[in-house]
């Protein structure tokens, strides 16, 4: 696994946030919803993408997999 300063900082922040809420996922989600409603940080919302003309569903590609690999 890649380790650098940014990843260590993000992981430490994630750990501190979880510890603050006693690792209770419901409490963490409630806090994040409350912060979103309070406007503590900007939330970016994009309009939905229009459907493709061929009707195909677009699925995000996994960059770890090569095209055509099964």
PDB file of N, CA and C in Angstrom:
ATOM      1  N   UNK A   1       0.838  -1.170   0.000  1.00  0.00           N
ATOM      2  CA  UNK A   1       0.000   0.000   0.000  1.00  0.00           C
ATOM      3  C   UNK A   1       0.887   1.238   0.000  1.00  0.00           C
ATOM      4  N   UNK A   2       0.465   2.226  -0.753  1.00  0.00           N
ATOM      5  CA  UNK A   2       1.230   3.465  -0.863  1.00  0.00           C
ATOM      6  C   UNK A   2       1.031   4.294   0.403  1.00  0.00           C
ATOM      7  N   UNK A   3       2.114   4.792   0.931  1.00  0.00           N
ATOM      8  CA  UNK A   3       2.073   5.665   2.110  1.00  0.00           C
ATOM      9  C   UNK A   3       2.749   6.982   1.767  1.00  0.00           C
ATOM     10  N   UNK A   4       2.057   8.071   1.999  1.00  0.00           N
ATOM     11  CA  UNK A   4       2.675   9.378   1.884  1.00  0.00           C
ATOM     12  C   UNK A   4       2.045  10.296   2.918  1.00  0.00           C
ATOM     13  N   UNK A   5       2.523  11.521   2.985  1.00  0.00           N
ATOM     14  CA  UNK A   5       2.058  12.454   4.012  1.00  0.00           C
ATOM     15  C   UNK A   5       0.565  12.740   3.900  1.00  0.00           C
ATOM     16  N   UNK A   6       0.074  12.892   2.685  1.00  0.00           N
ATOM     17  CA  UNK A   6      -1.339  13.212   2.495  1.00  0.00           C
ATOM     18  C   UNK A   6      -2.210  12.053   2.970  1.00  0.00           C
ATOM     19  N   UNK A   7      -1.867  10.833   2.579  1.00  0.00           N
ATOM     20  CA  UNK A   7      -2.646   9.675   3.012  1.00  0.00           C
ATOM     21  C   UNK A   7      -2.613   9.515   4.524  1.00  0.00           C
ATOM     22  N   UNK A   8      -1.466   9.713   5.120  1.00  0.00           N
ATOM     23  CA  UNK A   8      -1.383   9.613   6.583  1.00  0.00           C
ATOM     24  C   UNK A   8      -2.275  10.653   7.250  1.00  0.00           C
ATOM     25  N   UNK A   9      -2.279  11.862   6.710  1.00  0.00           N
ATOM     26  CA  UNK A   9      -3.105  12.926   7.275  1.00  0.00           C
ATOM     27  C   UNK A   9      -4.598  12.623   7.123  1.00  0.00           C
ATOM     28  N   UNK A  10      -5.003  12.130   5.951  1.00  0.00           N
ATOM     29  CA  UNK A  10      -6.407  11.781   5.720  1.00  0.00           C
ATOM     30  C   UNK A  10      -6.824  10.648   6.648  1.00  0.00           C
ATOM     31  N   UNK A  11      -5.989   9.634   6.761  1.00  0.00           N
ATOM     32  CA  UNK A  11      -6.320   8.506   7.636  1.00  0.00           C
ATOM     33  C   UNK A  11      -6.377   8.923   9.101  1.00  0.00           C
ATOM     34  N   UNK A  12      -5.498   9.814   9.509  1.00  0.00           N
ATOM     35  CA  UNK A  12      -5.525  10.308  10.890  1.00  0.00           C
ATOM     36  C   UNK A  12      -6.796  11.108  11.145  1.00  0.00           C
ATOM     37  N   UNK A  13      -7.221  11.927  10.185  1.00  0.00           N
ATOM     38  CA  UNK A  13      -8.458  12.702  10.332  1.00  0.00           C
ATOM     39  C   UNK A  13      -9.661  11.771  10.397  1.00  0.00           C
ATOM     40  N   UNK A  14      -9.659  10.750   9.560  1.00  0.00           N
ATOM     41  CA  UNK A  14     -10.755   9.774   9.572  1.00  0.00           C
ATOM     42  C   UNK A  14     -10.820   9.053  10.913  1.00  0.00           C
ATOM     43  N   UNK A  15      -9.686   8.653  11.424  1.00  0.00           N
ATOM     44  CA  UNK A  15      -9.619   7.973  12.719  1.00  0.00           C
ATOM     45  C   UNK A  15     -10.088   8.895  13.845  1.00  0.00           C
ATOM     46  N   UNK A  16      -9.672  10.154  13.813  1.00  0.00           N
ATOM     47  CA  UNK A  16     -10.076  11.108  14.850  1.00  0.00           C
ATOM     48  C   UNK A  16     -11.583  11.355  14.802  1.00  0.00           C
ATOM     49  N   UNK A  17     -12.145  11.470  13.606  1.00  0.00           N
ATOM     50  CA  UNK A  17     -13.587  11.678  13.455  1.00  0.00           C
ATOM     51  C   UNK A  17     -14.350  10.473  13.994  1.00  0.00           C
ATOM     52  N   UNK A  18     -13.890   9.278  13.663  1.00  0.00           N
ATOM     53  CA  UNK A  18     -14.548   8.063  14.152  1.00  0.00           C
ATOM     54  C   UNK A  18     -14.423   7.959  15.668  1.00  0.00           C
ATOM     55  N   UNK A  19     -13.265   8.261  16.193  1.00  0.00           N
ATOM     56  CA  UNK A  19     -13.057   8.190  17.644  1.00  0.00           C
ATOM     57  C   UNK A  19     -13.950   9.190  18.369  1.00  0.00           C
ATOM     58  N   UNK A  20     -14.118  10.381  17.785  1.00  0.00           N
ATOM     59  CA  UNK A  20     -14.966  11.416  18.366  1.00  0.00           C
ATOM     60  C   UNK A  20     -16.403  10.921  18.540  1.00  0.00           C
ATOM     61  N   UNK A  21     -16.828  10.020  17.652  1.00  0.00           N
ATOM     62  CA  UNK A  21     -18.191   9.485  17.681  1.00  0.00           C
ATOM     63  C   UNK A  21     -18.226   8.051  18.206  1.00  0.00           C
ATOM     64  N   UNK A  22     -17.172   7.648  18.925  1.00  0.00           N
ATOM     65  CA  UNK A  22     -17.082   6.289  19.497  1.00  0.00           C
ATOM     66  C   UNK A  22     -17.270   5.206  18.442  1.00  0.00           C
ATOM     67  N   UNK A  23     -16.792   5.468  17.227  1.00  0.00           N
ATOM     68  CA  UNK A  23     -16.833   4.527  16.109  1.00  0.00           C
ATOM     69  C   UNK A  23     -18.260   4.077  15.784  1.00  0.00           C
ATOM     70  N   UNK A  24     -19.241   4.926  16.097  1.00  0.00           N
ATOM     71  CA  UNK A  24     -20.654   4.648  15.822  1.00  0.00           C
ATOM     72  C   UNK A  24     -21.003   5.244  14.461  1.00  0.00           C
ATOM     73  N   UNK A  25     -21.224   4.375  13.478  1.00  0.00           N
ATOM     74  CA  UNK A  25     -21.459   4.844  12.112  1.00  0.00           C
ATOM     75  C   UNK A  25     -22.713   5.686  12.011  1.00  0.00           C
ATOM     76  N   UNK A  26     -23.731   5.374  12.806  1.00  0.00           N
ATOM     77  CA  UNK A  26     -24.966   6.167  12.779  1.00  0.00           C
ATOM     78  C   UNK A  26     -24.708   7.581  13.314  1.00  0.00           C
ATOM     79  N   UNK A  27     -23.924   7.692  14.362  1.00  0.00           N
ATOM     80  CA  UNK A  27     -23.592   9.003  14.917  1.00  0.00           C
ATOM     81  C   UNK A  27     -22.746   9.799  13.925  1.00  0.00           C
ATOM     82  N   UNK A  28     -21.826   9.125  13.240  1.00  0.00           N
ATOM     83  CA  UNK A  28     -20.990   9.816  12.249  1.00  0.00           C
ATOM     84  C   UNK A  28     -21.854  10.329  11.096  1.00  0.00           C
ATOM     85  N   UNK A  29     -22.780   9.488  10.613  1.00  0.00           N
ATOM     86  CA  UNK A  29     -23.651   9.897   9.505  1.00  0.00           C
ATOM     87  C   UNK A  29     -24.545  11.054   9.926  1.00  0.00           C
ATOM     88  N   UNK A  30     -25.089  10.993  11.141  1.00  0.00           N
ATOM     89  CA  UNK A  30     -25.942  12.077  11.632  1.00  0.00           C
ATOM     90  C   UNK A  30     -25.151  13.381  11.722  1.00  0.00           C
ATOM     91  N   UNK A  31     -23.917  13.308  12.192  1.00  0.00           N
ATOM     92  CA  UNK A  31     -23.079  14.493  12.289  1.00  0.00           C
ATOM     93  C   UNK A  31     -22.801  15.076  10.905  1.00  0.00           C
ATOM     94  N   UNK A  32     -22.489  14.221   9.949  1.00  0.00           N
ATOM     95  CA  UNK A  32     -22.213  14.697   8.590  1.00  0.00           C
ATOM     96  C   UNK A  32     -23.457  15.328   7.968  1.00  0.00           C
ATOM     97  N   UNK A  33     -24.640  14.726   8.193  1.00  0.00           N
ATOM     98  CA  UNK A  33     -25.879  15.328   7.685  1.00  0.00           C
ATOM     99  C   UNK A  33     -26.117  16.696   8.325  1.00  0.00           C
ATOM    100  N   UNK A  34     -25.906  16.791   9.644  1.00  0.00           N
ATOM    101  CA  UNK A  34     -26.100  18.062  10.338  1.00  0.00           C
ATOM    102  C   UNK A  34     -25.126  19.114   9.818  1.00  0.00           C
ATOM    103  N   UNK A  35     -23.882  18.719   9.565  1.00  0.00           N
ATOM    104  CA  UNK A  35     -22.899  19.672   9.036  1.00  0.00           C
ATOM    105  C   UNK A  35     -23.301  20.139   7.644  1.00  0.00           C
ATOM    106  N   UNK A  36     -23.828  19.215   6.832  1.00  0.00           N
ATOM    107  CA  UNK A  36     -24.259  19.577   5.486  1.00  0.00           C
ATOM    108  C   UNK A  36     -25.398  20.592   5.555  1.00  0.00           C
ATOM    109  N   UNK A  37     -26.367  20.350   6.433  1.00  0.00           N
ATOM    110  CA  UNK A  37     -27.492  21.272   6.569  1.00  0.00           C
ATOM    111  C   UNK A  37     -27.066  22.616   7.137  1.00  0.00           C
ATOM    112  N   UNK A  38     -26.066  22.614   8.018  1.00  0.00           N
ATOM    113  CA  UNK A  38     -25.589  23.851   8.631  1.00  0.00           C
ATOM    114  C   UNK A  38     -24.762  24.689   7.658  1.00  0.00           C
ATOM    115  N   UNK A  39     -24.292  24.075   6.590  1.00  0.00           N
ATOM    116  CA  UNK A  39     -23.502  24.808   5.618  1.00  0.00           C
ATOM    117  C   UNK A  39     -22.069  25.016   6.051  1.00  0.00           C
ATOM    118  N   UNK A  40     -21.516  24.069   6.798  1.00  0.00           N
ATOM    119  CA  UNK A  40     -20.126  24.189   7.254  1.00  0.00           C
ATOM    120  C   UNK A  40     -19.131  24.137   6.105  1.00  0.00           C
ATOM    121  N   UNK A  41     -19.495  23.505   5.021  1.00  0.00           N
ATOM    122  CA  UNK A  41     -18.623  23.440   3.858  1.00  0.00           C
ATOM    123  C   UNK A  41     -19.498  23.351   2.616  1.00  0.00           C
ATOM    124  N   UNK A  42     -18.969  23.733   1.469  1.00  0.00           N
ATOM    125  CA  UNK A  42     -19.787  23.703   0.257  1.00  0.00           C
ATOM    126  C   UNK A  42     -20.045  22.264  -0.189  1.00  0.00           C
ATOM    127  N   UNK A  43     -21.249  22.022  -0.652  1.00  0.00           N
ATOM    128  CA  UNK A  43     -21.621  20.720  -1.188  1.00  0.00           C
ATOM    129  C   UNK A  43     -21.877  20.913  -2.671  1.00  0.00           C
ATOM    130  N   UNK A  44     -21.173  20.163  -3.492  1.00  0.00           N
ATOM    131  CA  UNK A  44     -21.296  20.285  -4.939  1.00  0.00           C
ATOM    132  C   UNK A  44     -22.302  19.252  -5.420  1.00  0.00           C
ATOM    133  N   UNK A  45     -23.315  19.730  -6.090  1.00  0.00           N
ATOM    134  CA  UNK A  45     -24.323  18.831  -6.662  1.00  0.00           C
ATOM    135  C   UNK A  45     -24.396  19.121  -8.161  1.00  0.00           C
ATOM    136  N   UNK A  46     -24.299  18.074  -8.941  1.00  0.00           N
ATOM    137  CA  UNK A  46     -24.375  18.203 -10.387  1.00  0.00           C
ATOM    138  C   UNK A  46     -25.721  17.663 -10.854  1.00  0.00           C
ATOM    139  N   UNK A  47     -26.259  18.220 -11.935  1.00  0.00           N
ATOM    140  CA  UNK A  47     -27.504  17.660 -12.466  1.00  0.00           C
ATOM    141  C   UNK A  47     -27.245  16.253 -12.995  1.00  0.00           C
ATOM    142  N   UNK A  48     -28.260  15.406 -13.016  1.00  0.00           N
ATOM    143  CA  UNK A  48     -28.043  14.051 -13.544  1.00  0.00           C
ATOM    144  C   UNK A  48     -27.638  14.092 -15.012  1.00  0.00           C
ATOM    145  N   UNK A  49     -26.847  13.124 -15.383  1.00  0.00           N
ATOM    146  CA  UNK A  49     -26.435  13.038 -16.779  1.00  0.00           C
ATOM    147  C   UNK A  49     -27.617  12.602 -17.635  1.00  0.00           C
ATOM    148  N   UNK A  50     -27.683  13.130 -18.853  1.00  0.00           N
ATOM    149  CA  UNK A  50     -28.768  12.683 -19.737  1.00  0.00           C
ATOM    150  C   UNK A  50     -28.529  11.232 -20.151  1.00  0.00           C
ATOM    151  N   UNK A  51     -29.598  10.505 -20.451  1.00  0.00           N
ATOM    152  CA  UNK A  51     -29.419   9.111 -20.877  1.00  0.00           C
ATOM    153  C   UNK A  51     -28.660   9.041 -22.200  1.00  0.00           C
ATOM    154  N   UNK A  52     -27.912   7.961 -22.340  1.00  0.00           N
ATOM    155  CA  UNK A  52     -27.173   7.767 -23.590  1.00  0.00           C
ATOM    156  C   UNK A  52     -28.142   7.397 -24.705  1.00  0.00           C
ATOM    157  N   UNK A  53     -27.863   7.839 -25.929  1.00  0.00           N
ATOM    158  CA  UNK A  53     -28.776   7.551 -27.040  1.00  0.00           C
ATOM    159  C   UNK A  53     -28.937   6.053 -27.305  1.00  0.00           C
ATOM    160  N   UNK A  54     -27.888   5.258 -27.012  1.00  0.00           N
ATOM    161  CA  UNK A  54     -27.974   3.821 -27.283  1.00  0.00           C
ATOM    162  C   UNK A  54     -28.614   3.054 -26.119  1.00  0.00           C
ATOM    163  N   UNK A  55     -28.966   3.773 -25.038  1.00  0.00           N
ATOM    164  CA  UNK A  55     -29.628   3.138 -23.902  1.00  0.00           C
ATOM    165  C   UNK A  55     -28.706   2.385 -22.969  1.00  0.00           C
ATOM    166  N   UNK A  56     -27.401   2.386 -23.252  1.00  0.00           N
ATOM    167  CA  UNK A  56     -26.450   1.662 -22.410  1.00  0.00           C
ATOM    168  C   UNK A  56     -26.281   2.378 -21.076  1.00  0.00           C
ATOM    169  N   UNK A  57     -25.980   1.601 -20.050  1.00  0.00           N
ATOM    170  CA  UNK A  57     -25.724   2.153 -18.728  1.00  0.00           C
ATOM    171  C   UNK A  57     -24.230   2.363 -18.573  1.00  0.00           C
ATOM    172  N   UNK A  58     -23.838   3.538 -18.103  1.00  0.00           N
ATOM    173  CA  UNK A  58     -22.434   3.840 -17.896  1.00  0.00           C
ATOM    174  C   UNK A  58     -22.058   3.429 -16.481  1.00  0.00           C
ATOM    175  N   UNK A  59     -21.038   2.602 -16.376  1.00  0.00           N
ATOM    176  CA  UNK A  59     -20.557   2.152 -15.079  1.00  0.00           C
ATOM    177  C   UNK A  59     -19.120   2.634 -14.932  1.00  0.00           C
ATOM    178  N   UNK A  60     -18.804   3.172 -13.758  1.00  0.00           N
ATOM    179  CA  UNK A  60     -17.437   3.649 -13.528  1.00  0.00           C
ATOM    180  C   UNK A  60     -16.468   2.488 -13.671  1.00  0.00           C
ATOM    181  N   UNK A  61     -15.425   2.694 -14.418  1.00  0.00           N
ATOM    182  CA  UNK A  61     -14.427   1.654 -14.644  1.00  0.00           C
ATOM    183  C   UNK A  61     -13.483   1.562 -13.461  1.00  0.00           C
ATOM    184  N   UNK A  62     -13.058   0.369 -13.153  1.00  0.00           N
ATOM    185  CA  UNK A  62     -12.069   0.141 -12.120  1.00  0.00           C
ATOM    186  C   UNK A  62     -10.714   0.304 -12.777  1.00  0.00           C
ATOM    187  N   UNK A  63      -9.933   1.329 -12.406  1.00  0.00           N
ATOM    188  CA  UNK A  63      -8.654   1.561 -13.079  1.00  0.00           C
ATOM    189  C   UNK A  63      -7.647   0.433 -12.828  1.00  0.00           C
ATOM    190  N   UNK A  64      -7.901  -0.410 -11.834  1.00  0.00           N
ATOM    191  CA  UNK A  64      -6.995  -1.506 -11.557  1.00  0.00           C
ATOM    192  C   UNK A  64      -7.163  -2.643 -12.565  1.00  0.00           C
ATOM    193  N   UNK A  65      -8.303  -2.667 -13.256  1.00  0.00           N
ATOM    194  CA  UNK A  65      -8.561  -3.724 -14.228  1.00  0.00           C
ATOM    195  C   UNK A  65      -8.283  -3.223 -15.631  1.00  0.00           C
ATOM    196  N   UNK A  66      -7.743  -4.075 -16.467  1.00  0.00           N
ATOM    197  CA  UNK A  66      -7.512  -3.721 -17.849  1.00  0.00           C
ATOM    198  C   UNK A  66      -8.788  -3.988 -18.635  1.00  0.00           C
ATOM    199  N   UNK A  67      -8.990  -3.226 -19.684  1.00  0.00           N
ATOM    200  CA  UNK A  67     -10.178  -3.412 -20.525  1.00  0.00           C
ATOM    201  C   UNK A  67     -10.198  -4.810 -21.094  1.00  0.00           C
ATOM    202  N   UNK A  68     -11.354  -5.451 -21.017  1.00  0.00           N
ATOM    203  CA  UNK A  68     -11.501  -6.789 -21.554  1.00  0.00           C
ATOM    204  C   UNK A  68     -11.089  -7.894 -20.612  1.00  0.00           C
ATOM    205  N   UNK A  69     -10.500  -7.565 -19.475  1.00  0.00           N
ATOM    206  CA  UNK A  69     -10.090  -8.588 -18.509  1.00  0.00           C
ATOM    207  C   UNK A  69     -11.310  -9.118 -17.783  1.00  0.00           C
ATOM    208  N   UNK A  70     -11.313 -10.405 -17.537  1.00  0.00           N
ATOM    209  CA  UNK A  70     -12.461 -11.005 -16.840  1.00  0.00           C
ATOM    210  C   UNK A  70     -12.106 -11.392 -15.445  1.00  0.00           C
TER     211      UNK A  70
END
